[in-house]
Amino acid sequence: MDEKEEPGEQLQKEIEETTQRTKAALEKIVNVRLSAAQPKNVPTQSQESKYIKYKPLQQSSAFNSGAKERIIRMVEMLADPLEPPKFKHKRVPKASSSPPVPVMHSPPRPVTVKDQQDWKIPPCISNWKNPKGLHNSS
């Protein structure tokens, strides 16, 4: 610090520096809040448009308001930001780290007639009225 400066001037410089730092910090906080409120990806409308001359096949006053030729302006349609996604993301099953554990089964044996008879379940018999005559037969 210079000895030529008065203590009042030093105090004034310190106040200005503190004010500038505080102002910068507050602006930073405000800018963060404002940027959070703004949409991230706003599609910009492309100004490229094509003009096409169109001559209808039926040249009559009853068709196309009697126009012999029309000029059509073609513009690319903007994507709707609220439109649901067109493609569904499919999850890929993760690769297993080791081969699957083998399941131990007893050796298969042929089915006998007695086993077939044991597995046969008789149809339910009901005492309720059956006007249409429908029945369960196995």
C-alpha atoms as a PDB file:
ATOM      1  CA  MET A   1       0.000   0.000   0.000  1.00  0.00           C
ATOM      2  CA  ASP A   2       1.252   3.440  -0.840  1.00  0.00           C
ATOM      3  CA  GLU A   3       1.865   5.747   2.037  1.00  0.00           C
ATOM      4  CA  LYS A   4       0.707   8.665  -0.104  1.00  0.00           C
ATOM      5  CA  GLU A   5      -2.870   7.356  -0.196  1.00  0.00           C
ATOM      6  CA  GLU A   6      -5.141   8.419   2.565  1.00  0.00           C
ATOM      7  CA  PRO A   7      -6.891   5.826   4.724  1.00  0.00           C
ATOM      8  CA  GLY A   8     -10.238   7.010   3.329  1.00  0.00           C
ATOM      9  CA  GLU A   9      -9.135   6.202  -0.236  1.00  0.00           C
ATOM     10  CA  GLN A  10      -7.899   2.743   0.816  1.00  0.00           C
ATOM     11  CA  LEU A  11     -11.223   2.061   2.457  1.00  0.00           C
ATOM     12  CA  GLN A  12     -13.057   3.273  -0.656  1.00  0.00           C
ATOM     13  CA  LYS A  13     -10.989   0.953  -2.929  1.00  0.00           C
ATOM     14  CA  GLU A  14     -11.622  -1.998  -0.619  1.00  0.00           C
ATOM     15  CA  ILE A  15     -15.353  -1.277  -0.650  1.00  0.00           C
ATOM     16  CA  GLU A  16     -15.392  -1.094  -4.470  1.00  0.00           C
ATOM     17  CA  GLU A  17     -13.463  -4.385  -4.803  1.00  0.00           C
ATOM     18  CA  THR A  18     -15.822  -6.110  -2.365  1.00  0.00           C
ATOM     19  CA  THR A  19     -18.803  -4.674  -4.238  1.00  0.00           C
ATOM     20  CA  GLN A  20     -17.463  -5.988  -7.572  1.00  0.00           C
ATOM     21  CA  ARG A  21     -16.823  -9.479  -6.144  1.00  0.00           C
ATOM     22  CA  THR A  22     -20.285  -9.575  -4.559  1.00  0.00           C
ATOM     23  CA  LYS A  23     -21.903  -8.376  -7.779  1.00  0.00           C
ATOM     24  CA  ALA A  24     -20.068 -11.059  -9.807  1.00  0.00           C
ATOM     25  CA  ALA A  25     -21.087 -13.787  -7.336  1.00  0.00           C
ATOM     26  CA  LEU A  26     -24.744 -12.694  -7.383  1.00  0.00           C
ATOM     27  CA  GLU A  27     -24.787 -12.520 -11.194  1.00  0.00           C
ATOM     28  CA  LYS A  28     -23.342 -16.021 -11.337  1.00  0.00           C
ATOM     29  CA  ILE A  29     -26.101 -17.357  -9.045  1.00  0.00           C
ATOM     30  CA  VAL A  30     -28.832 -15.550 -11.000  1.00  0.00           C
ATOM     31  CA  ASN A  31     -27.477 -16.809 -14.340  1.00  0.00           C
ATOM     32  CA  VAL A  32     -27.463 -20.402 -13.054  1.00  0.00           C
ATOM     33  CA  ARG A  33     -31.093 -20.072 -11.948  1.00  0.00           C
ATOM     34  CA  LEU A  34     -32.131 -18.455 -15.238  1.00  0.00           C
ATOM     35  CA  SER A  35     -30.354 -21.061 -17.351  1.00  0.00           C
ATOM     36  CA  ALA A  36     -32.079 -23.836 -15.380  1.00  0.00           C
ATOM     37  CA  ALA A  37     -35.469 -22.314 -16.201  1.00  0.00           C
ATOM     38  CA  GLN A  38     -34.738 -22.026 -19.926  1.00  0.00           C
ATOM     39  CA  PRO A  39     -35.359 -25.006 -22.239  1.00  0.00           C
ATOM     40  CA  LYS A  40     -32.166 -26.823 -23.168  1.00  0.00           C
ATOM     41  CA  ASN A  41     -32.679 -27.813 -26.782  1.00  0.00           C
ATOM     42  CA  VAL A  42     -35.020 -25.459 -28.558  1.00  0.00           C
ATOM     43  CA  PRO A  43     -35.174 -26.452 -32.218  1.00  0.00           C
ATOM     44  CA  THR A  44     -34.348 -23.570 -34.479  1.00  0.00           C
ATOM     45  CA  GLN A  45     -36.619 -23.182 -37.450  1.00  0.00           C
ATOM     46  CA  SER A  46     -34.685 -23.629 -40.636  1.00  0.00           C
ATOM     47  CA  GLN A  47     -35.382 -20.832 -43.064  1.00  0.00           C
ATOM     48  CA  GLU A  48     -34.513 -23.010 -46.044  1.00  0.00           C
ATOM     49  CA  SER A  49     -37.688 -23.415 -48.044  1.00  0.00           C
ATOM     50  CA  LYS A  50     -38.166 -24.668 -51.578  1.00  0.00           C
ATOM     51  CA  TYR A  51     -40.665 -23.237 -54.007  1.00  0.00           C
ATOM     52  CA  ILE A  52     -42.202 -25.705 -56.455  1.00  0.00           C
ATOM     53  CA  LYS A  53     -44.319 -24.881 -59.490  1.00  0.00           C
ATOM     54  CA  TYR A  54     -47.251 -27.232 -59.830  1.00  0.00           C
ATOM     55  CA  LYS A  55     -49.545 -27.559 -62.835  1.00  0.00           C
ATOM     56  CA  PRO A  56     -52.671 -29.642 -62.189  1.00  0.00           C
ATOM     57  CA  LEU A  57     -53.736 -32.193 -64.808  1.00  0.00           C
ATOM     58  CA  GLN A  58     -57.327 -31.022 -64.884  1.00  0.00           C
ATOM     59  CA  GLN A  59     -57.294 -27.511 -66.292  1.00  0.00           C
ATOM     60  CA  SER A  60     -60.818 -26.382 -65.553  1.00  0.00           C
ATOM     61  CA  SER A  61     -62.424 -23.573 -63.612  1.00  0.00           C
ATOM     62  CA  ALA A  62     -64.170 -26.181 -61.422  1.00  0.00           C
ATOM     63  CA  PHE A  63     -60.850 -27.583 -60.173  1.00  0.00           C
ATOM     64  CA  ASN A  64     -58.158 -25.781 -58.175  1.00  0.00           C
ATOM     65  CA  SER A  65     -60.180 -22.551 -58.070  1.00  0.00           C
ATOM     66  CA  GLY A  66     -59.537 -22.112 -61.775  1.00  0.00           C
ATOM     67  CA  ALA A  67     -55.779 -21.725 -61.291  1.00  0.00           C
ATOM     68  CA  LYS A  68     -53.641 -22.933 -64.183  1.00  0.00           C
ATOM     69  CA  GLU A  69     -50.558 -23.333 -62.019  1.00  0.00           C
ATOM     70  CA  ARG A  70     -49.743 -23.129 -58.340  1.00  0.00           C
ATOM     71  CA  ILE A  71     -46.606 -22.323 -56.427  1.00  0.00           C
ATOM     72  CA  ILE A  72     -46.038 -24.488 -53.362  1.00  0.00           C
ATOM     73  CA  ARG A  73     -43.633 -23.580 -50.587  1.00  0.00           C
ATOM     74  CA  MET A  74     -42.035 -26.664 -48.995  1.00  0.00           C
ATOM     75  CA  VAL A  75     -40.612 -26.288 -45.492  1.00  0.00           C
ATOM     76  CA  GLU A  76     -39.291 -28.958 -43.181  1.00  0.00           C
ATOM     77  CA  MET A  77     -41.774 -29.710 -40.406  1.00  0.00           C
ATOM     78  CA  LEU A  78     -40.479 -29.007 -36.910  1.00  0.00           C
ATOM     79  CA  ALA A  79     -40.340 -31.864 -34.418  1.00  0.00           C
ATOM     80  CA  ASP A  80     -42.859 -31.643 -31.604  1.00  0.00           C
ATOM     81  CA  PRO A  81     -40.929 -31.558 -28.298  1.00  0.00           C
ATOM     82  CA  LEU A  82     -43.817 -33.238 -26.443  1.00  0.00           C
ATOM     83  CA  GLU A  83     -44.240 -36.072 -28.935  1.00  0.00           C
ATOM     84  CA  PRO A  84     -43.621 -39.498 -27.383  1.00  0.00           C
ATOM     85  CA  PRO A  85     -40.575 -41.401 -28.629  1.00  0.00           C
ATOM     86  CA  LYS A  86     -41.063 -43.276 -31.892  1.00  0.00           C
ATOM     87  CA  PHE A  87     -38.727 -46.131 -31.036  1.00  0.00           C
ATOM     88  CA  LYS A  88     -38.727 -48.187 -27.875  1.00  0.00           C
ATOM     89  CA  HIS A  89     -35.400 -48.812 -26.207  1.00  0.00           C
ATOM     90  CA  LYS A  90     -34.974 -52.524 -25.688  1.00  0.00           C
ATOM     91  CA  ARG A  91     -32.815 -53.699 -22.853  1.00  0.00           C
ATOM     92  CA  VAL A  92     -30.161 -56.178 -23.794  1.00  0.00           C
ATOM     93  CA  PRO A  93     -29.756 -58.961 -21.259  1.00  0.00           C
ATOM     94  CA  LYS A  94     -26.411 -58.724 -19.566  1.00  0.00           C
ATOM     95  CA  ALA A  95     -23.889 -61.417 -20.300  1.00  0.00           C
ATOM     96  CA  SER A  96     -23.487 -63.982 -17.572  1.00  0.00           C
ATOM     97  CA  SER A  97     -20.057 -64.221 -16.047  1.00  0.00           C
ATOM     98  CA  SER A  98     -20.106 -68.008 -15.752  1.00  0.00           C
ATOM     99  CA  PRO A  99     -21.930 -70.787 -17.633  1.00  0.00           C
ATOM    100  CA  PRO A 100     -25.300 -71.818 -16.171  1.00  0.00           C
ATOM    101  CA  VAL A 101     -25.331 -74.534 -13.552  1.00  0.00           C
ATOM    102  CA  PRO A 102     -26.561 -77.862 -15.000  1.00  0.00           C
ATOM    103  CA  VAL A 103     -29.835 -79.201 -13.594  1.00  0.00           C
ATOM    104  CA  MET A 104     -29.599 -82.857 -12.679  1.00  0.00           C
ATOM    105  CA  HIS A 105     -32.555 -84.927 -13.930  1.00  0.00           C
ATOM    106  CA  SER A 106     -33.266 -88.570 -13.474  1.00  0.00           C
ATOM    107  CA  PRO A 107     -33.118 -90.527 -16.734  1.00  0.00           C
ATOM    108  CA  PRO A 108     -36.406 -90.497 -18.659  1.00  0.00           C
ATOM    109  CA  ARG A 109     -38.528 -93.619 -18.501  1.00  0.00           C
ATOM    110  CA  PRO A 110     -41.376 -94.690 -20.782  1.00  0.00           C
ATOM    111  CA  VAL A 111     -44.944 -93.972 -19.630  1.00  0.00           C
ATOM    112  CA  THR A 112     -46.872 -97.125 -18.799  1.00  0.00           C
ATOM    113  CA  VAL A 113     -50.596 -97.711 -19.179  1.00  0.00           C
ATOM    114  CA  LYS A 114     -51.005 -97.643 -15.395  1.00  0.00           C
ATOM    115  CA  ASP A 115     -49.335 -94.190 -15.232  1.00  0.00           C
ATOM    116  CA  GLN A 116     -51.693 -92.938 -17.948  1.00  0.00           C
ATOM    117  CA  GLN A 117     -54.716 -94.225 -16.004  1.00  0.00           C
ATOM    118  CA  ASP A 118     -53.446 -92.604 -12.793  1.00  0.00           C
ATOM    119  CA  TRP A 119     -53.141 -89.239 -14.517  1.00  0.00           C
ATOM    120  CA  LYS A 120     -56.629 -89.397 -16.075  1.00  0.00           C
ATOM    121  CA  ILE A 121     -58.977 -86.996 -14.262  1.00  0.00           C
ATOM    122  CA  PRO A 122     -62.727 -87.664 -14.622  1.00  0.00           C
ATOM    123  CA  PRO A 123     -64.912 -84.742 -15.731  1.00  0.00           C
ATOM    124  CA  CYS A 124     -66.751 -82.865 -13.005  1.00  0.00           C
ATOM    125  CA  ILE A 125     -70.310 -84.017 -12.421  1.00  0.00           C
ATOM    126  CA  SER A 126     -72.754 -81.329 -11.356  1.00  0.00           C
ATOM    127  CA  ASN A 127     -76.327 -81.452 -10.049  1.00  0.00           C
ATOM    128  CA  TRP A 128     -77.012 -78.011 -11.458  1.00  0.00           C
ATOM    129  CA  LYS A 129     -79.369 -77.517 -14.382  1.00  0.00           C
ATOM    130  CA  ASN A 130     -77.741 -77.581 -17.799  1.00  0.00           C
ATOM    131  CA  PRO A 131     -80.372 -76.329 -20.298  1.00  0.00           C
ATOM    132  CA  LYS A 132     -77.964 -76.063 -23.241  1.00  0.00           C
ATOM    133  CA  GLY A 133     -76.526 -79.516 -22.683  1.00  0.00           C
ATOM    134  CA  LEU A 134     -72.912 -78.370 -22.639  1.00  0.00           C
ATOM    135  CA  HIS A 135     -70.478 -80.685 -20.931  1.00  0.00           C
ATOM    136  CA  ASN A 136     -66.772 -81.131 -20.297  1.00  0.00           C
ATOM    137  CA  SER A 137     -65.330 -84.303 -21.727  1.00  0.00           C
ATOM    138  CA  SER A 138     -61.718 -85.262 -21.300  1.00  0.00           C
END
